Amino acid sequence: MGKFFLGWTCALSVFFFQVSPVWSAPGSLQIEKLNRKVIHLYRSERYREAIPFAIQSYKLIKNNWGENHPKVILALNNLAELKRKTGHFADAEALLLRSLKISAQSFGMEHPTVAILLSNLALLYENMGNFSKAESLYQHSLKIKKRVLGPDHPKVAELMNKIAALNLANPPY
């Protein structure tokens, strides 16, 4: 992947990508500053304030690397998370689906980034009350994580707990 680095932190079971400063393109420093601002506002639960900075970051990334570049995954995911947090579910869904498409095209459907995006989309559907769709996506993510990380990895156990909690809170009967 060259200088492209995906780093993420867990925030309430949602993976919010952090962008590494190792990018070398016009506007990279500005993108890094914008992303730091977005992450700061996100951690401060100031989601609405973060959206314009996330949009600006996305536009710069898209202009520097193109609409289908893997770096766009970061920007779309972050913006989708902010939209989810502010209740703009349709916007969040469109952004996550776009991010998932780019990720699948760039890395293949068995990549850990795809698993993260599937989990983020599942959480969105869970928030929307579509529990069967959420569980299906969590299960798909779980298969990828088990294959990539191994069945005893803490991230696998974390996702299994998430699925169990979903089923306890929303039994199929």
N, C-alpha and C. Protein backbone atom coordinates (compact mmCIF):
# COMPACT_ATOMS: atom_id res chain seq x y z
N MET A 1 0.81 -1.19 0.00
CA MET A 1 0.00 0.00 0.00
C MET A 1 0.86 1.26 0.00
N GLY A 2 2.14 1.15 -0.04
CA GLY A 2 3.00 2.32 -0.11
C GLY A 2 2.89 3.18 1.12
N LYS A 3 2.73 4.49 0.90
CA LYS A 3 2.67 5.43 2.01
C LYS A 3 1.28 5.57 2.59
N PHE A 4 0.33 4.83 2.06
CA PHE A 4 -1.04 4.92 2.55
C PHE A 4 -1.16 4.06 3.80
N PHE A 5 -1.62 4.67 4.86
CA PHE A 5 -1.69 3.99 6.14
C PHE A 5 -3.07 4.18 6.74
N LEU A 6 -3.71 3.10 7.08
CA LEU A 6 -4.99 3.19 7.76
C LEU A 6 -4.76 2.94 9.24
N GLY A 7 -5.13 3.89 10.03
CA GLY A 7 -5.08 3.72 11.47
C GLY A 7 -6.47 3.98 11.98
N TRP A 8 -6.90 3.30 13.01
CA TRP A 8 -8.23 3.55 13.52
C TRP A 8 -8.25 3.42 15.03
N THR A 9 -9.21 4.12 15.60
CA THR A 9 -9.43 3.99 17.03
C THR A 9 -10.87 3.58 17.21
N CYS A 10 -11.15 2.93 18.29
CA CYS A 10 -12.51 2.48 18.54
C CYS A 10 -13.22 3.51 19.40
N ALA A 11 -14.37 3.92 18.95
CA ALA A 11 -15.19 4.87 19.71
C ALA A 11 -16.59 4.29 19.76
N LEU A 12 -16.96 3.72 20.91
CA LEU A 12 -18.28 3.13 21.06
C LEU A 12 -18.59 2.12 19.97
N SER A 13 -17.70 1.21 19.70
CA SER A 13 -17.84 0.15 18.71
C SER A 13 -17.82 0.65 17.27
N VAL A 14 -17.56 1.91 17.05
CA VAL A 14 -17.50 2.45 15.71
C VAL A 14 -16.05 2.77 15.41
N PHE A 15 -15.60 2.39 14.26
CA PHE A 15 -14.23 2.68 13.90
C PHE A 15 -14.19 4.00 13.15
N PHE A 16 -13.47 4.93 13.73
CA PHE A 16 -13.30 6.25 13.16
C PHE A 16 -11.87 6.32 12.69
N PHE A 17 -11.66 6.33 11.39
CA PHE A 17 -10.32 6.29 10.83
C PHE A 17 -9.55 7.55 11.15
N GLN A 18 -8.29 7.38 11.45
CA GLN A 18 -7.39 8.51 11.61
C GLN A 18 -6.43 8.48 10.44
N VAL A 19 -6.18 9.62 9.90
CA VAL A 19 -5.34 9.73 8.72
C VAL A 19 -3.91 10.00 9.14
N SER A 20 -3.01 9.26 8.57
CA SER A 20 -1.59 9.42 8.87
C SER A 20 -1.00 10.61 8.12
N PRO A 21 -0.07 11.32 8.72
CA PRO A 21 0.55 12.47 8.06
C PRO A 21 1.59 12.09 7.01
N VAL A 22 1.71 10.82 6.63
CA VAL A 22 2.75 10.41 5.69
C VAL A 22 2.36 10.66 4.24
N TRP A 23 1.22 11.23 3.99
CA TRP A 23 0.80 11.50 2.62
C TRP A 23 1.67 12.59 2.03
N SER A 24 1.99 12.46 0.76
CA SER A 24 2.77 13.51 0.10
C SER A 24 2.04 13.93 -1.18
N ALA A 25 1.29 14.99 -1.09
CA ALA A 25 0.57 15.56 -2.22
C ALA A 25 0.22 16.99 -1.85
N PRO A 26 -0.09 17.80 -2.86
CA PRO A 26 -0.51 19.17 -2.53
C PRO A 26 -1.71 19.16 -1.59
N GLY A 27 -1.63 19.95 -0.56
CA GLY A 27 -2.73 20.03 0.39
C GLY A 27 -2.69 18.99 1.49
N SER A 28 -1.67 18.12 1.50
CA SER A 28 -1.61 17.06 2.52
C SER A 28 -1.58 17.61 3.94
N LEU A 29 -0.81 18.66 4.15
CA LEU A 29 -0.74 19.26 5.48
C LEU A 29 -2.10 19.84 5.88
N GLN A 30 -2.76 20.46 4.94
CA GLN A 30 -4.09 21.01 5.21
C GLN A 30 -5.08 19.88 5.53
N ILE A 31 -4.99 18.78 4.79
CA ILE A 31 -5.86 17.63 5.04
C ILE A 31 -5.61 17.09 6.44
N GLU A 32 -4.34 16.97 6.81
CA GLU A 32 -3.98 16.46 8.14
C GLU A 32 -4.55 17.36 9.23
N LYS A 33 -4.43 18.66 9.06
CA LYS A 33 -4.97 19.61 10.04
C LYS A 33 -6.49 19.49 10.14
N LEU A 34 -7.15 19.38 9.00
CA LEU A 34 -8.60 19.22 8.99
C LEU A 34 -9.01 17.94 9.72
N ASN A 35 -8.30 16.86 9.44
CA ASN A 35 -8.64 15.59 10.07
C ASN A 35 -8.40 15.60 11.57
N ARG A 36 -7.34 16.27 11.98
CA ARG A 36 -7.12 16.40 13.43
C ARG A 36 -8.26 17.19 14.08
N LYS A 37 -8.72 18.21 13.39
CA LYS A 37 -9.84 19.01 13.89
C LYS A 37 -11.11 18.16 13.97
N VAL A 38 -11.37 17.37 12.93
CA VAL A 38 -12.54 16.49 12.92
C VAL A 38 -12.48 15.50 14.09
N ILE A 39 -11.33 14.89 14.28
CA ILE A 39 -11.18 13.91 15.36
C ILE A 39 -11.34 14.58 16.72
N HIS A 40 -10.77 15.75 16.89
CA HIS A 40 -10.93 16.48 18.15
C HIS A 40 -12.41 16.78 18.42
N LEU A 41 -13.11 17.30 17.43
CA LEU A 41 -14.54 17.61 17.60
C LEU A 41 -15.36 16.35 17.83
N TYR A 42 -15.00 15.27 17.16
CA TYR A 42 -15.70 13.99 17.35
C TYR A 42 -15.54 13.52 18.79
N ARG A 43 -14.32 13.52 19.27
CA ARG A 43 -14.07 13.07 20.64
C ARG A 43 -14.73 13.98 21.67
N SER A 44 -14.96 15.23 21.30
CA SER A 44 -15.65 16.18 22.17
C SER A 44 -17.17 16.13 21.98
N GLU A 45 -17.62 15.19 21.17
CA GLU A 45 -19.05 15.00 20.87
C GLU A 45 -19.68 16.24 20.24
N ARG A 46 -18.89 16.95 19.46
CA ARG A 46 -19.37 18.14 18.75
C ARG A 46 -19.48 17.78 17.26
N TYR A 47 -20.37 16.82 16.99
CA TYR A 47 -20.48 16.20 15.68
C TYR A 47 -20.90 17.18 14.59
N ARG A 48 -21.89 18.01 14.87
CA ARG A 48 -22.35 18.97 13.85
C ARG A 48 -21.25 19.95 13.46
N GLU A 49 -20.47 20.37 14.43
CA GLU A 49 -19.37 21.28 14.14
C GLU A 49 -18.29 20.61 13.29
N ALA A 50 -18.15 19.31 13.41
CA ALA A 50 -17.10 18.59 12.70
C ALA A 50 -17.44 18.36 11.23
N ILE A 51 -18.72 18.35 10.90
CA ILE A 51 -19.14 18.00 9.53
C ILE A 51 -18.50 18.89 8.46
N PRO A 52 -18.52 20.22 8.59
CA PRO A 52 -17.90 21.04 7.53
C PRO A 52 -16.41 20.74 7.32
N PHE A 53 -15.70 20.45 8.40
CA PHE A 53 -14.28 20.12 8.28
C PHE A 53 -14.09 18.76 7.59
N ALA A 54 -14.97 17.81 7.90
CA ALA A 54 -14.91 16.50 7.25
C ALA A 54 -15.23 16.61 5.77
N ILE A 55 -16.17 17.45 5.42
CA ILE A 55 -16.51 17.66 4.00
C ILE A 55 -15.33 18.30 3.27
N GLN A 56 -14.73 19.29 3.90
CA GLN A 56 -13.58 19.96 3.29
C GLN A 56 -12.42 18.97 3.09
N SER A 57 -12.18 18.13 4.07
CA SER A 57 -11.14 17.12 3.97
C SER A 57 -11.43 16.17 2.82
N TYR A 58 -12.68 15.70 2.75
CA TYR A 58 -13.08 14.79 1.67
C TYR A 58 -12.82 15.43 0.30
N LYS A 59 -13.22 16.69 0.14
CA LYS A 59 -13.04 17.37 -1.15
C LYS A 59 -11.57 17.48 -1.53
N LEU A 60 -10.73 17.81 -0.57
CA LEU A 60 -9.30 17.91 -0.86
C LEU A 60 -8.71 16.54 -1.22
N ILE A 61 -9.10 15.53 -0.50
CA ILE A 61 -8.62 14.17 -0.79
C ILE A 61 -9.07 13.74 -2.18
N LYS A 62 -10.34 13.96 -2.48
CA LYS A 62 -10.88 13.59 -3.79
C LYS A 62 -10.16 14.36 -4.90
N ASN A 63 -9.91 15.65 -4.70
CA ASN A 63 -9.22 16.45 -5.72
C ASN A 63 -7.76 16.01 -5.90
N ASN A 64 -7.12 15.59 -4.82
CA ASN A 64 -5.71 15.17 -4.90
C ASN A 64 -5.54 13.78 -5.49
N TRP A 65 -6.42 12.83 -5.12
CA TRP A 65 -6.21 11.43 -5.50
C TRP A 65 -7.30 10.83 -6.37
N GLY A 66 -8.41 11.52 -6.54
CA GLY A 66 -9.49 10.99 -7.37
C GLY A 66 -10.58 10.34 -6.54
N GLU A 67 -11.77 10.28 -7.10
CA GLU A 67 -12.97 9.79 -6.42
C GLU A 67 -12.88 8.32 -5.99
N ASN A 68 -12.11 7.52 -6.71
CA ASN A 68 -12.07 6.09 -6.42
C ASN A 68 -10.78 5.64 -5.73
N HIS A 69 -10.03 6.58 -5.22
CA HIS A 69 -8.78 6.24 -4.54
C HIS A 69 -9.08 5.70 -3.13
N PRO A 70 -8.30 4.74 -2.66
CA PRO A 70 -8.53 4.20 -1.32
C PRO A 70 -8.53 5.24 -0.20
N LYS A 71 -7.80 6.34 -0.37
CA LYS A 71 -7.78 7.38 0.68
C LYS A 71 -9.16 7.99 0.87
N VAL A 72 -9.99 7.94 -0.17
CA VAL A 72 -11.34 8.47 -0.07
C VAL A 72 -12.16 7.67 0.94
N ILE A 73 -11.80 6.40 1.13
CA ILE A 73 -12.49 5.54 2.12
C ILE A 73 -12.48 6.21 3.49
N LEU A 74 -11.34 6.73 3.88
CA LEU A 74 -11.20 7.39 5.18
C LEU A 74 -12.17 8.55 5.31
N ALA A 75 -12.15 9.39 4.32
CA ALA A 75 -12.97 10.60 4.36
C ALA A 75 -14.46 10.27 4.36
N LEU A 76 -14.86 9.32 3.53
CA LEU A 76 -16.27 8.93 3.46
C LEU A 76 -16.73 8.28 4.77
N ASN A 77 -15.89 7.43 5.33
CA ASN A 77 -16.23 6.77 6.59
C ASN A 77 -16.39 7.79 7.71
N ASN A 78 -15.47 8.73 7.81
CA ASN A 78 -15.54 9.72 8.87
C ASN A 78 -16.78 10.59 8.73
N LEU A 79 -17.06 11.01 7.51
CA LEU A 79 -18.24 11.83 7.27
C LEU A 79 -19.51 11.03 7.56
N ALA A 80 -19.53 9.77 7.19
CA ALA A 80 -20.69 8.91 7.46
C ALA A 80 -20.92 8.77 8.97
N GLU A 81 -19.85 8.62 9.72
CA GLU A 81 -19.99 8.50 11.18
C GLU A 81 -20.57 9.77 11.78
N LEU A 82 -20.13 10.91 11.29
CA LEU A 82 -20.67 12.18 11.78
C LEU A 82 -22.15 12.31 11.41
N LYS A 83 -22.49 11.89 10.21
CA LYS A 83 -23.89 11.94 9.78
C LYS A 83 -24.74 10.99 10.62
N ARG A 84 -24.21 9.82 10.94
CA ARG A 84 -24.94 8.88 11.80
C ARG A 84 -25.17 9.48 13.17
N LYS A 85 -24.12 10.07 13.71
CA LYS A 85 -24.21 10.65 15.05
C LYS A 85 -25.21 11.80 15.12
N THR A 86 -25.43 12.48 13.98
CA THR A 86 -26.37 13.60 13.97
C THR A 86 -27.75 13.20 13.44
N GLY A 87 -27.96 11.89 13.24
CA GLY A 87 -29.27 11.40 12.84
C GLY A 87 -29.59 11.50 11.36
N HIS A 88 -28.61 11.81 10.55
CA HIS A 88 -28.81 11.87 9.10
C HIS A 88 -28.49 10.49 8.51
N PHE A 89 -29.38 9.55 8.78
CA PHE A 89 -29.12 8.16 8.44
C PHE A 89 -29.03 7.89 6.94
N ALA A 90 -29.88 8.52 6.14
CA ALA A 90 -29.83 8.29 4.69
C ALA A 90 -28.50 8.76 4.11
N ASP A 91 -28.02 9.90 4.57
CA ASP A 91 -26.71 10.41 4.12
C ASP A 91 -25.60 9.46 4.56
N ALA A 92 -25.66 9.02 5.80
CA ALA A 92 -24.64 8.11 6.32
C ALA A 92 -24.62 6.80 5.53
N GLU A 93 -25.80 6.28 5.23
CA GLU A 93 -25.88 5.03 4.46
C GLU A 93 -25.23 5.20 3.08
N ALA A 94 -25.57 6.27 2.38
CA ALA A 94 -25.00 6.50 1.05
C ALA A 94 -23.47 6.61 1.11
N LEU A 95 -22.98 7.31 2.11
CA LEU A 95 -21.53 7.47 2.26
C LEU A 95 -20.84 6.15 2.57
N LEU A 96 -21.43 5.36 3.46
CA LEU A 96 -20.83 4.07 3.81
C LEU A 96 -20.88 3.09 2.64
N LEU A 97 -21.96 3.10 1.89
CA LEU A 97 -22.05 2.22 0.73
C LEU A 97 -21.01 2.59 -0.32
N ARG A 98 -20.80 3.87 -0.52
CA ARG A 98 -19.78 4.34 -1.45
C ARG A 98 -18.39 3.92 -0.96
N SER A 99 -18.13 4.12 0.32
CA SER A 99 -16.86 3.74 0.91
C SER A 99 -16.62 2.24 0.79
N LEU A 100 -17.66 1.47 1.04
CA LEU A 100 -17.56 0.01 0.94
C LEU A 100 -17.26 -0.42 -0.49
N LYS A 101 -17.87 0.22 -1.46
CA LYS A 101 -17.64 -0.10 -2.87
C LYS A 101 -16.18 0.16 -3.24
N ILE A 102 -15.67 1.31 -2.85
CA ILE A 102 -14.27 1.65 -3.14
C ILE A 102 -13.34 0.66 -2.46
N SER A 103 -13.63 0.34 -1.21
CA SER A 103 -12.79 -0.59 -0.45
C SER A 103 -12.77 -1.97 -1.10
N ALA A 104 -13.94 -2.45 -1.48
CA ALA A 104 -14.02 -3.77 -2.12
C ALA A 104 -13.26 -3.78 -3.44
N GLN A 105 -13.38 -2.70 -4.22
CA GLN A 105 -12.66 -2.61 -5.49
C GLN A 105 -11.16 -2.50 -5.28
N SER A 106 -10.76 -1.78 -4.26
CA SER A 106 -9.33 -1.54 -4.01
C SER A 106 -8.63 -2.72 -3.35
N PHE A 107 -9.30 -3.33 -2.37
CA PHE A 107 -8.65 -4.34 -1.55
C PHE A 107 -9.24 -5.74 -1.69
N GLY A 108 -10.44 -5.86 -2.20
CA GLY A 108 -11.14 -7.14 -2.24
C GLY A 108 -12.08 -7.27 -1.05
N MET A 109 -13.05 -8.14 -1.18
CA MET A 109 -14.10 -8.27 -0.16
C MET A 109 -13.64 -8.94 1.14
N GLU A 110 -12.44 -9.46 1.19
CA GLU A 110 -11.97 -10.15 2.39
C GLU A 110 -10.97 -9.32 3.18
N HIS A 111 -10.88 -8.05 2.91
CA HIS A 111 -9.91 -7.17 3.56
C HIS A 111 -10.45 -6.67 4.90
N PRO A 112 -9.58 -6.46 5.89
CA PRO A 112 -10.03 -5.95 7.19
C PRO A 112 -10.77 -4.61 7.11
N THR A 113 -10.41 -3.77 6.16
CA THR A 113 -11.12 -2.50 6.01
C THR A 113 -12.57 -2.74 5.62
N VAL A 114 -12.81 -3.73 4.78
CA VAL A 114 -14.19 -4.09 4.41
C VAL A 114 -14.94 -4.55 5.66
N ALA A 115 -14.30 -5.32 6.51
CA ALA A 115 -14.94 -5.79 7.74
C ALA A 115 -15.34 -4.62 8.63
N ILE A 116 -14.47 -3.64 8.75
CA ILE A 116 -14.77 -2.46 9.56
C ILE A 116 -15.95 -1.69 8.98
N LEU A 117 -15.93 -1.49 7.68
CA LEU A 117 -17.01 -0.75 7.04
C LEU A 117 -18.34 -1.50 7.14
N LEU A 118 -18.29 -2.82 7.02
CA LEU A 118 -19.51 -3.62 7.21
C LEU A 118 -20.06 -3.45 8.62
N SER A 119 -19.18 -3.43 9.60
CA SER A 119 -19.61 -3.22 10.99
C SER A 119 -20.20 -1.83 11.18
N ASN A 120 -19.59 -0.84 10.55
CA ASN A 120 -20.12 0.53 10.66
C ASN A 120 -21.50 0.63 10.00
N LEU A 121 -21.65 -0.02 8.86
CA LEU A 121 -22.95 -0.02 8.19
C LEU A 121 -23.98 -0.80 9.02
N ALA A 122 -23.55 -1.88 9.63
CA ALA A 122 -24.45 -2.65 10.51
C ALA A 122 -24.92 -1.80 11.68
N LEU A 123 -24.01 -1.05 12.28
CA LEU A 123 -24.40 -0.18 13.39
C LEU A 123 -25.41 0.86 12.93
N LEU A 124 -25.21 1.39 11.75
CA LEU A 124 -26.17 2.35 11.20
C LEU A 124 -27.55 1.70 11.07
N TYR A 125 -27.60 0.49 10.49
CA TYR A 125 -28.88 -0.19 10.35
C TYR A 125 -29.49 -0.53 11.71
N GLU A 126 -28.66 -0.85 12.66
CA GLU A 126 -29.15 -1.09 14.02
C GLU A 126 -29.79 0.18 14.57
N ASN A 127 -29.14 1.31 14.39
CA ASN A 127 -29.70 2.60 14.82
C ASN A 127 -31.01 2.91 14.11
N MET A 128 -31.14 2.46 12.87
CA MET A 128 -32.34 2.71 12.08
C MET A 128 -33.46 1.72 12.42
N GLY A 129 -33.14 0.71 13.24
CA GLY A 129 -34.15 -0.28 13.62
C GLY A 129 -34.24 -1.46 12.67
N ASN A 130 -33.34 -1.56 11.73
CA ASN A 130 -33.33 -2.68 10.80
C ASN A 130 -32.37 -3.75 11.33
N PHE A 131 -32.86 -4.50 12.32
CA PHE A 131 -32.00 -5.41 13.07
C PHE A 131 -31.56 -6.62 12.27
N SER A 132 -32.42 -7.11 11.38
CA SER A 132 -32.02 -8.28 10.59
C SER A 132 -30.90 -7.91 9.61
N LYS A 133 -30.99 -6.75 9.00
CA LYS A 133 -29.93 -6.30 8.10
C LYS A 133 -28.64 -6.05 8.88
N ALA A 134 -28.79 -5.46 10.06
CA ALA A 134 -27.62 -5.21 10.91
C ALA A 134 -26.93 -6.52 11.27
N GLU A 135 -27.71 -7.51 11.69
CA GLU A 135 -27.10 -8.78 12.08
C GLU A 135 -26.40 -9.44 10.91
N SER A 136 -27.01 -9.41 9.75
CA SER A 136 -26.41 -10.00 8.56
C SER A 136 -25.05 -9.37 8.25
N LEU A 137 -24.97 -8.05 8.35
CA LEU A 137 -23.71 -7.36 8.09
C LEU A 137 -22.67 -7.64 9.17
N TYR A 138 -23.12 -7.67 10.43
CA TYR A 138 -22.19 -8.02 11.51
C TYR A 138 -21.63 -9.44 11.28
N GLN A 139 -22.49 -10.37 10.87
CA GLN A 139 -22.04 -11.75 10.62
C GLN A 139 -21.02 -11.79 9.49
N HIS A 140 -21.27 -11.03 8.44
CA HIS A 140 -20.33 -10.98 7.32
C HIS A 140 -18.98 -10.41 7.79
N SER A 141 -19.03 -9.35 8.57
CA SER A 141 -17.82 -8.77 9.13
C SER A 141 -17.09 -9.78 10.01
N LEU A 142 -17.85 -10.51 10.80
CA LEU A 142 -17.27 -11.52 11.70
C LEU A 142 -16.51 -12.59 10.91
N LYS A 143 -17.08 -13.05 9.80
CA LYS A 143 -16.41 -14.06 8.97
C LYS A 143 -15.06 -13.55 8.49
N ILE A 144 -15.04 -12.32 8.03
CA ILE A 144 -13.78 -11.74 7.55
C ILE A 144 -12.78 -11.62 8.69
N LYS A 145 -13.22 -11.10 9.83
CA LYS A 145 -12.31 -10.92 10.96
C LYS A 145 -11.76 -12.25 11.46
N LYS A 146 -12.61 -13.28 11.51
CA LYS A 146 -12.13 -14.59 11.95
C LYS A 146 -11.05 -15.11 11.00
N ARG A 147 -11.29 -14.94 9.71
CA ARG A 147 -10.35 -15.43 8.70
C ARG A 147 -9.03 -14.65 8.77
N VAL A 148 -9.11 -13.35 8.92
CA VAL A 148 -7.92 -12.50 8.88
C VAL A 148 -7.18 -12.48 10.22
N LEU A 149 -7.92 -12.38 11.31
CA LEU A 149 -7.31 -12.21 12.62
C LEU A 149 -7.20 -13.51 13.43
N GLY A 150 -8.00 -14.49 13.07
CA GLY A 150 -8.06 -15.73 13.82
C GLY A 150 -9.22 -15.70 14.80
N PRO A 151 -9.75 -16.87 15.14
CA PRO A 151 -10.96 -16.93 15.96
C PRO A 151 -10.80 -16.46 17.40
N ASP A 152 -9.58 -16.38 17.90
CA ASP A 152 -9.37 -16.00 19.29
C ASP A 152 -8.94 -14.54 19.47
N HIS A 153 -8.96 -13.79 18.41
CA HIS A 153 -8.54 -12.39 18.48
C HIS A 153 -9.57 -11.55 19.25
N PRO A 154 -9.13 -10.58 20.05
CA PRO A 154 -10.06 -9.74 20.81
C PRO A 154 -11.08 -9.00 19.94
N LYS A 155 -10.70 -8.61 18.73
CA LYS A 155 -11.65 -7.92 17.84
C LYS A 155 -12.77 -8.87 17.40
N VAL A 156 -12.46 -10.14 17.28
CA VAL A 156 -13.47 -11.15 16.94
C VAL A 156 -14.43 -11.30 18.12
N ALA A 157 -13.88 -11.40 19.31
CA ALA A 157 -14.72 -11.52 20.51
C ALA A 157 -15.59 -10.28 20.69
N GLU A 158 -15.03 -9.11 20.43
CA GLU A 158 -15.78 -7.86 20.55
C GLU A 158 -16.98 -7.85 19.60
N LEU A 159 -16.76 -8.31 18.38
CA LEU A 159 -17.86 -8.34 17.41
C LEU A 159 -18.89 -9.41 17.77
N MET A 160 -18.43 -10.54 18.29
CA MET A 160 -19.37 -11.58 18.74
C MET A 160 -20.25 -11.05 19.86
N ASN A 161 -19.67 -10.29 20.77
CA ASN A 161 -20.45 -9.67 21.85
C ASN A 161 -21.46 -8.68 21.30
N LYS A 162 -21.08 -7.94 20.28
CA LYS A 162 -21.98 -6.98 19.65
C LYS A 162 -23.19 -7.70 19.04
N ILE A 163 -22.94 -8.81 18.37
CA ILE A 163 -24.02 -9.61 17.77
C ILE A 163 -24.92 -10.18 18.86
N ALA A 164 -24.33 -10.68 19.93
CA ALA A 164 -25.12 -11.23 21.03
C ALA A 164 -25.98 -10.14 21.67
N ALA A 165 -25.42 -8.97 21.87
CA ALA A 165 -26.19 -7.86 22.46
C ALA A 165 -27.34 -7.45 21.53
N LEU A 166 -27.09 -7.43 20.25
CA LEU A 166 -28.14 -7.11 19.27
C LEU A 166 -29.27 -8.12 19.37
N ASN A 167 -28.93 -9.39 19.47
CA ASN A 167 -29.95 -10.43 19.55
C ASN A 167 -30.69 -10.44 20.88
N LEU A 168 -30.00 -10.10 21.96
CA LEU A 168 -30.67 -10.02 23.25
C LEU A 168 -31.65 -8.86 23.30
N ALA A 169 -31.26 -7.74 22.73
CA ALA A 169 -32.11 -6.56 22.76
C ALA A 169 -33.26 -6.64 21.76
N ASN A 170 -33.08 -7.45 20.72
CA ASN A 170 -34.07 -7.53 19.65
C ASN A 170 -34.27 -8.97 19.23
N PRO A 171 -34.91 -9.79 20.09
CA PRO A 171 -35.09 -11.21 19.75
C PRO A 171 -35.97 -11.36 18.49
N PRO A 172 -35.70 -12.40 17.72
CA PRO A 172 -36.42 -12.57 16.45
C PRO A 172 -37.89 -12.98 16.61
N TYR A 173 -38.35 -13.26 17.78
CA TYR A 173 -39.76 -13.68 17.98
C TYR A 173 -40.65 -12.53 18.32
